[in-house]
Amino acid sequence: MKRSFFLLCAVLFVLGSLLPLAGYRLAKTVLGPSAPASSAAAPEPETPDAASLPPSDRDSETFLIADQSDGAVVSVPRRDYLIGAVAAEMPITWPDEALKAQAIAAHSYALYCRDHAQDTAAGWLTADPARRQGYLTDAVLRSYWGTAYEANYARLSALVDSVLTQVLYYENAPAGTSYFAISNGQTEASENVWGTAVPYLIPVDSSTDQNADNYIYTVSFSAAQLQQLLTGLGLTPDLAAPEGWFGEAALTPSGYVASLPVCGQTVTGPALRKALGLRSACFTVQYQNGSFFFTTRGYGHGVGMSQWGARALAEQGQTASQILAHYFPGTQLRQ
């Protein structure tokens, strides 16, 4: 049990350091060039020695963030980090309760990373504020919001202040509150993406995501392009017979690709998604006239809170606490 948990920690820490970039791409393609949002991975780095582990029931006044642009580790006040994280994850125009839910999820996520960081001094999280990834500094916010800075900052800071001490817990520790942009209509179980089940990262309904902008998206590759990408998975595609590269996919209960035959080998859906840069592991593939067409539904890994779903629930009148309870069943919100 411990061994599988430690393995998951290592895998998800790597994913957590890579996915802010996916969030930036989402901002450009789904919500428009001026509306950042993100697809963060569940943070489970390697478990540190007990002596270096901060008490799980203690909040932190500052968060240690590793800046991807220069490798520096900066200590960011909790309030500043949460304002910048929400601004990076959701458009400021979204409903108050969705933004508050995002603030609490980002807060809990950061503390979870702290509690599972192999070396806390190296940073709990990675971000690149200059590229609007992970969280935004005040200087970046001023540039990004322009003349709307004062009004936007006043609104967002007030929302963050209203939930500043709230953290989502599972049992006696901050929960690994992963979040992403858009599901295929249902969220995914953590074991289908990262290999280990987490009690509160289970499939829940998020059918309102099917109304999201660019919910269905198709990307094409020539056979030569796809051949090059597939070699990164250790495959050897035969350009003489590309129509036979892909077999029938096996799906998870939530409808994402669990695995599929590719060039005579079995590849997981998440692995193929990563190799090809697909928006989601919920996809179909077609071959026609020398090109492959991948059609995806949703955007992101699918585990935890759908940001678009949070928006929809807020528009229906649900509170931040109700939104979080829906997407992270079995957790408790504490002050």
Protein backbone atom coordinates (compact mmCIF):
# COMPACT_ATOMS: atom_id res chain seq x y z
CA MET A 1 0.00 0.00 0.00
CA LYS A 2 2.73 2.45 1.00
CA ARG A 3 4.84 1.47 -1.98
CA SER A 4 2.05 2.24 -4.47
CA PHE A 5 1.32 5.53 -2.74
CA PHE A 6 4.96 6.60 -2.89
CA LEU A 7 5.08 5.69 -6.58
CA LEU A 8 2.02 7.79 -7.26
CA CYS A 9 3.61 10.67 -5.38
CA ALA A 10 6.64 10.64 -7.65
CA VAL A 11 4.60 10.40 -10.85
CA LEU A 12 2.21 13.19 -9.98
CA PHE A 13 4.91 15.56 -8.84
CA VAL A 14 6.41 15.37 -12.32
CA LEU A 15 3.01 15.90 -13.90
CA GLY A 16 2.31 18.83 -11.60
CA SER A 17 5.47 20.55 -12.78
CA LEU A 18 4.56 20.15 -16.45
CA LEU A 19 0.90 20.99 -16.69
CA PRO A 20 0.83 24.77 -16.16
CA LEU A 21 1.86 25.01 -19.83
CA ALA A 22 -1.21 23.03 -20.81
CA GLY A 23 -3.28 25.56 -18.91
CA TYR A 24 -1.79 28.41 -20.90
CA ARG A 25 -2.61 26.63 -24.17
CA LEU A 26 -6.17 26.18 -22.92
CA ALA A 27 -6.45 29.89 -22.25
CA LYS A 28 -5.52 30.66 -25.84
CA THR A 29 -7.67 28.01 -27.52
CA VAL A 30 -10.78 27.69 -25.36
CA LEU A 31 -11.33 30.95 -23.55
CA GLY A 32 -9.59 33.34 -25.88
CA PRO A 33 -6.22 35.10 -25.86
CA SER A 34 -7.05 37.29 -22.88
CA ALA A 35 -8.56 34.69 -20.54
CA PRO A 36 -6.08 32.41 -18.80
CA ALA A 37 -7.14 29.14 -17.27
CA SER A 38 -5.28 25.98 -16.47
CA SER A 39 -5.28 22.27 -16.11
CA ALA A 40 -3.35 21.40 -12.98
CA ALA A 41 -2.35 17.90 -12.04
CA ALA A 42 -2.94 16.26 -8.70
CA PRO A 43 0.18 17.05 -6.69
CA GLU A 44 1.72 13.90 -5.27
CA PRO A 45 5.52 14.21 -5.17
CA GLU A 46 7.68 11.73 -3.33
CA THR A 47 6.92 11.51 0.37
CA PRO A 48 9.62 13.32 2.38
CA ASP A 49 11.22 12.18 5.58
CA ALA A 50 8.91 12.56 8.55
CA ALA A 51 11.31 14.99 10.20
CA SER A 52 10.96 17.48 7.34
CA LEU A 53 7.20 17.18 6.97
CA PRO A 54 5.28 20.21 8.26
CA PRO A 55 2.25 19.41 10.42
CA SER A 56 -0.60 18.65 8.02
CA ASP A 57 -3.11 20.66 10.03
CA ARG A 58 -1.05 23.85 9.88
CA ASP A 59 -1.51 26.49 7.20
CA SER A 60 1.41 28.44 5.76
CA GLU A 61 1.75 32.22 5.61
CA THR A 62 4.07 31.96 2.60
CA PHE A 63 4.28 29.47 -0.26
CA LEU A 64 7.53 28.41 -1.90
CA ILE A 65 7.25 28.62 -5.67
CA ALA A 66 9.92 27.51 -8.15
CA ASP A 67 9.99 29.93 -11.09
CA GLN A 68 10.45 27.92 -14.27
CA SER A 69 11.86 30.90 -16.13
CA ASP A 70 15.04 31.16 -14.06
CA GLY A 71 14.93 28.30 -11.54
CA ALA A 72 14.72 30.65 -8.57
CA VAL A 73 12.63 29.64 -5.57
CA VAL A 74 10.59 32.55 -4.28
CA SER A 75 8.61 32.87 -1.06
CA VAL A 76 5.18 34.27 -1.92
CA PRO A 77 2.72 35.48 0.72
CA ARG A 78 -0.32 33.21 0.84
CA ARG A 79 -2.77 35.94 -0.16
CA ASP A 80 -0.66 37.10 -3.08
CA TYR A 81 -0.22 33.55 -4.31
CA LEU A 82 -3.94 32.77 -4.18
CA ILE A 83 -4.88 35.97 -6.00
CA GLY A 84 -2.30 35.21 -8.67
CA ALA A 85 -3.25 31.54 -8.92
CA VAL A 86 -6.96 32.24 -9.40
CA ALA A 87 -6.16 34.91 -11.99
CA ALA A 88 -4.06 32.37 -13.87
CA GLU A 89 -6.68 29.62 -13.63
CA MET A 90 -10.02 31.32 -14.34
CA PRO A 91 -11.21 34.41 -16.22
CA ILE A 92 -12.01 37.28 -13.87
CA THR A 93 -15.46 37.50 -15.49
CA TRP A 94 -16.53 34.12 -14.11
CA PRO A 95 -19.00 33.89 -11.17
CA ASP A 96 -17.87 34.71 -7.64
CA GLU A 97 -18.49 31.22 -6.26
CA ALA A 98 -16.48 29.56 -9.04
CA LEU A 99 -13.55 31.88 -8.35
CA LYS A 100 -13.81 31.18 -4.63
CA ALA A 101 -13.89 27.42 -5.26
CA GLN A 102 -10.76 27.81 -7.38
CA ALA A 103 -9.04 29.78 -4.62
CA ILE A 104 -9.76 27.07 -2.04
CA ALA A 105 -8.68 24.32 -4.43
CA ALA A 106 -5.43 26.16 -5.21
CA HIS A 107 -4.82 26.71 -1.48
CA SER A 108 -5.43 23.06 -0.61
CA TYR A 109 -3.36 21.91 -3.59
CA ALA A 110 -0.39 24.03 -2.47
CA LEU A 111 -0.50 22.67 1.08
CA TYR A 112 -0.76 19.13 -0.23
CA CYS A 113 2.33 19.76 -2.33
CA ARG A 114 4.10 21.13 0.73
CA ASP A 115 3.26 18.04 2.74
CA HIS A 116 4.52 15.70 0.02
CA ALA A 117 7.50 17.63 -1.36
CA GLN A 118 10.72 15.66 -1.45
CA ASP A 119 12.63 18.88 -0.75
CA THR A 120 10.44 21.76 0.39
CA ALA A 121 13.35 24.20 0.00
CA ALA A 122 13.29 23.48 -3.75
CA GLY A 123 9.72 24.76 -3.94
CA TRP A 124 6.33 23.17 -3.49
CA LEU A 125 5.00 24.17 -6.89
CA THR A 126 6.38 25.33 -10.22
CA ALA A 127 5.11 28.37 -12.08
CA ASP A 128 6.16 30.80 -14.78
CA PRO A 129 4.43 34.12 -14.08
CA ALA A 130 6.08 35.81 -17.06
CA ARG A 131 4.25 33.35 -19.33
CA ARG A 132 1.09 33.51 -17.23
CA GLN A 133 1.47 29.93 -16.05
CA GLY A 134 0.69 28.72 -12.53
CA TYR A 135 0.20 32.08 -10.87
CA LEU A 136 0.54 35.74 -11.84
CA THR A 137 2.59 38.32 -9.97
CA ASP A 138 1.19 41.78 -9.36
CA ALA A 139 3.40 43.19 -12.11
CA VAL A 140 2.06 40.65 -14.59
CA LEU A 141 -1.51 41.34 -13.48
CA ARG A 142 -1.03 45.07 -14.07
CA SER A 143 0.21 44.37 -17.58
CA TYR A 144 -2.44 41.74 -18.26
CA TRP A 145 -5.45 43.67 -16.99
CA GLY A 146 -4.32 47.13 -18.11
CA THR A 147 -6.82 49.84 -17.29
CA ALA A 148 -9.11 47.27 -15.63
CA TYR A 149 -6.44 46.39 -13.06
CA GLU A 150 -7.84 48.38 -10.13
CA ALA A 151 -11.39 47.09 -10.50
CA ASN A 152 -10.36 43.51 -11.22
CA TYR A 153 -7.87 43.40 -8.37
CA ALA A 154 -10.39 44.83 -5.91
CA ARG A 155 -12.97 42.21 -6.85
CA LEU A 156 -10.62 39.24 -6.90
CA SER A 157 -8.76 40.16 -3.71
CA ALA A 158 -12.08 40.55 -1.88
CA LEU A 159 -13.17 37.09 -3.03
CA VAL A 160 -9.85 35.56 -1.97
CA ASP A 161 -10.02 37.33 1.40
CA SER A 162 -13.45 35.79 2.01
CA VAL A 163 -11.99 32.26 1.79
CA LEU A 164 -8.37 32.96 2.74
CA THR A 165 -8.30 30.53 5.68
CA GLN A 166 -10.42 27.79 4.11
CA VAL A 167 -8.75 24.50 3.17
CA LEU A 168 -10.26 21.28 1.86
CA TYR A 169 -9.23 18.28 3.96
CA TYR A 170 -9.47 14.55 3.59
CA GLU A 171 -9.36 13.04 7.04
CA ASN A 172 -6.62 15.01 8.83
CA ALA A 173 -4.58 16.42 5.94
CA PRO A 174 -5.08 18.87 3.06
CA ALA A 175 -6.58 17.10 0.08
CA GLY A 176 -4.84 16.78 -3.28
CA THR A 177 -7.42 18.92 -5.03
CA SER A 178 -6.50 18.45 -8.69
CA TYR A 179 -8.34 20.52 -11.25
CA PHE A 180 -8.54 20.86 -15.00
CA ALA A 181 -10.48 22.74 -17.65
CA ILE A 182 -13.27 20.65 -19.19
CA SER A 183 -14.36 17.02 -18.74
CA ASN A 184 -16.01 14.84 -21.35
CA GLY A 185 -19.19 15.05 -19.27
CA GLN A 186 -17.92 13.02 -16.34
CA THR A 187 -14.71 13.30 -14.36
CA GLU A 188 -12.15 10.51 -14.36
CA ALA A 189 -10.93 8.24 -11.56
CA SER A 190 -7.36 8.99 -10.47
CA GLU A 191 -6.22 5.39 -10.95
CA ASN A 192 -7.03 5.59 -14.66
CA VAL A 193 -4.65 8.52 -15.11
CA TRP A 194 -1.96 8.15 -12.42
CA GLY A 195 -2.25 4.48 -11.51
CA THR A 196 -3.45 4.66 -7.89
CA ALA A 197 -6.93 5.24 -6.50
CA VAL A 198 -7.49 8.29 -4.30
CA PRO A 199 -10.74 8.13 -2.29
CA TYR A 200 -11.97 11.60 -3.23
CA LEU A 201 -10.74 11.63 -6.85
CA ILE A 202 -13.51 9.51 -8.29
CA PRO A 203 -15.88 9.95 -11.26
CA VAL A 204 -18.68 12.48 -10.75
CA ASP A 205 -21.18 14.03 -13.15
CA SER A 206 -20.04 17.13 -14.99
CA SER A 207 -22.42 17.00 -17.93
CA THR A 208 -22.63 20.79 -18.21
CA ASP A 209 -19.10 20.64 -19.65
CA GLN A 210 -20.61 19.44 -22.90
CA ASN A 211 -21.77 23.03 -23.44
CA ALA A 212 -18.25 24.44 -23.12
CA ASP A 213 -16.61 26.35 -25.94
CA ASN A 214 -14.56 23.97 -28.13
CA TYR A 215 -15.75 20.99 -26.12
CA ILE A 216 -15.25 18.92 -29.29
CA TYR A 217 -11.99 19.63 -31.06
CA THR A 218 -10.30 17.91 -33.99
CA VAL A 219 -6.61 18.00 -34.84
CA SER A 220 -4.96 16.34 -37.82
CA PHE A 221 -1.53 14.85 -38.46
CA SER A 222 0.02 13.64 -41.67
CA ALA A 223 1.24 10.06 -41.55
CA ALA A 224 4.84 11.31 -41.54
CA GLN A 225 4.17 13.70 -38.65
CA LEU A 226 2.45 11.02 -36.62
CA GLN A 227 5.19 8.51 -37.35
CA GLN A 228 7.75 10.87 -35.82
CA LEU A 229 5.63 11.46 -32.73
CA LEU A 230 4.94 7.78 -32.18
CA THR A 231 8.63 6.93 -32.22
CA GLY A 232 8.80 8.84 -28.96
CA LEU A 233 6.74 6.03 -27.45
CA GLY A 234 9.20 3.42 -28.70
CA LEU A 235 6.95 2.44 -31.60
CA THR A 236 8.01 1.73 -35.18
CA PRO A 237 5.15 2.79 -37.47
CA ASP A 238 5.25 1.42 -41.02
CA LEU A 239 4.61 4.25 -43.47
CA ALA A 240 3.63 1.68 -46.10
CA ALA A 241 0.49 0.73 -44.14
CA PRO A 242 -0.65 3.62 -41.92
CA GLU A 243 -4.28 2.54 -42.07
CA GLY A 244 -3.43 -0.34 -39.74
CA TRP A 245 -1.60 1.63 -37.05
CA PHE A 246 -4.54 1.93 -34.64
CA GLY A 247 -6.88 -0.68 -33.27
CA GLU A 248 -10.09 -0.41 -31.27
CA ALA A 249 -9.77 1.50 -28.01
CA ALA A 250 -10.77 0.16 -24.60
CA LEU A 251 -12.57 2.83 -22.57
CA THR A 252 -12.71 3.58 -18.86
CA PRO A 253 -16.15 3.72 -17.19
CA SER A 254 -16.03 7.53 -17.62
CA GLY A 255 -15.50 7.20 -21.36
CA TYR A 256 -11.83 8.14 -21.62
CA VAL A 257 -9.43 5.94 -23.56
CA ALA A 258 -7.88 3.43 -21.18
CA SER A 259 -5.69 1.81 -23.83
CA LEU A 260 -5.57 1.00 -27.51
CA PRO A 261 -3.42 -1.02 -29.90
CA VAL A 262 -0.90 1.17 -31.70
CA CYS A 263 1.49 -0.36 -34.23
CA GLY A 264 1.16 -3.76 -32.61
CA GLN A 265 1.66 -2.59 -29.03
CA THR A 266 -0.76 -1.50 -26.32
CA VAL A 267 -0.54 2.17 -25.35
CA THR A 268 -2.52 3.88 -22.60
CA GLY A 269 -4.79 6.76 -23.47
CA PRO A 270 -2.98 9.24 -21.18
CA ALA A 271 0.38 8.26 -22.68
CA LEU A 272 -0.84 8.79 -26.23
CA ARG A 273 -2.47 12.06 -25.24
CA LYS A 274 0.85 13.30 -23.86
CA ALA A 275 2.88 12.10 -26.85
CA LEU A 276 0.57 13.77 -29.37
CA GLY A 277 -0.33 16.84 -27.32
CA LEU A 278 -4.04 16.02 -27.45
CA ARG A 279 -6.46 18.09 -25.41
CA SER A 280 -7.99 15.07 -23.69
CA ALA A 281 -7.68 11.30 -23.32
CA CYS A 282 -11.29 11.09 -24.47
CA PHE A 283 -10.66 10.82 -28.20
CA THR A 284 -11.38 8.96 -31.39
CA VAL A 285 -8.99 8.52 -34.33
CA GLN A 286 -9.74 8.25 -38.04
CA TYR A 287 -7.44 7.74 -41.02
CA GLN A 288 -8.38 9.31 -44.34
CA ASN A 289 -6.42 10.24 -47.47
CA GLY A 290 -3.01 10.07 -45.83
CA SER A 291 -3.94 11.96 -42.65
CA PHE A 292 -5.01 11.02 -39.14
CA PHE A 293 -7.80 12.96 -37.43
CA PHE A 294 -8.04 12.92 -33.63
CA THR A 295 -11.31 14.25 -32.20
CA THR A 296 -11.25 15.01 -28.48
CA ARG A 297 -13.95 15.82 -25.97
CA GLY A 298 -13.03 18.09 -23.08
CA TYR A 299 -9.65 19.49 -22.09
CA GLY A 300 -7.30 18.28 -19.39
CA HIS A 301 -6.59 15.11 -17.45
CA GLY A 302 -10.16 14.91 -16.17
CA VAL A 303 -9.38 14.21 -12.50
CA GLY A 304 -10.88 16.36 -9.74
CA MET A 305 -12.65 19.69 -10.30
CA SER A 306 -13.73 20.71 -13.77
CA GLN A 307 -13.25 24.47 -13.95
CA TRP A 308 -15.96 24.84 -16.57
CA GLY A 309 -18.21 22.68 -14.44
CA ALA A 310 -17.51 24.88 -11.42
CA ARG A 311 -18.58 27.86 -13.48
CA ALA A 312 -21.81 26.13 -14.51
CA LEU A 313 -22.65 25.09 -10.94
CA ALA A 314 -22.01 28.63 -9.72
CA GLU A 315 -24.33 29.96 -12.39
CA GLN A 316 -26.97 27.54 -11.11
CA GLY A 317 -26.68 29.09 -7.64
CA GLN A 318 -24.34 26.65 -5.90
CA THR A 319 -21.80 27.95 -3.40
CA ALA A 320 -18.08 27.34 -3.46
CA SER A 321 -18.41 24.76 -0.69
CA GLN A 322 -21.12 22.91 -2.62
CA ILE A 323 -19.02 22.93 -5.78
CA LEU A 324 -16.03 21.49 -3.93
CA ALA A 325 -18.17 18.87 -2.19
CA HIS A 326 -19.47 17.77 -5.59
CA TYR A 327 -16.07 17.36 -7.20
CA PHE A 328 -14.20 16.05 -4.14
CA PRO A 329 -16.69 13.76 -2.34
CA GLY A 330 -15.73 12.74 1.16
CA THR A 331 -13.63 15.85 1.85
CA GLN A 332 -14.34 18.48 4.52
CA LEU A 333 -13.95 22.23 4.26
CA ARG A 334 -12.21 23.70 7.29
CA GLN A 335 -11.40 27.24 8.35
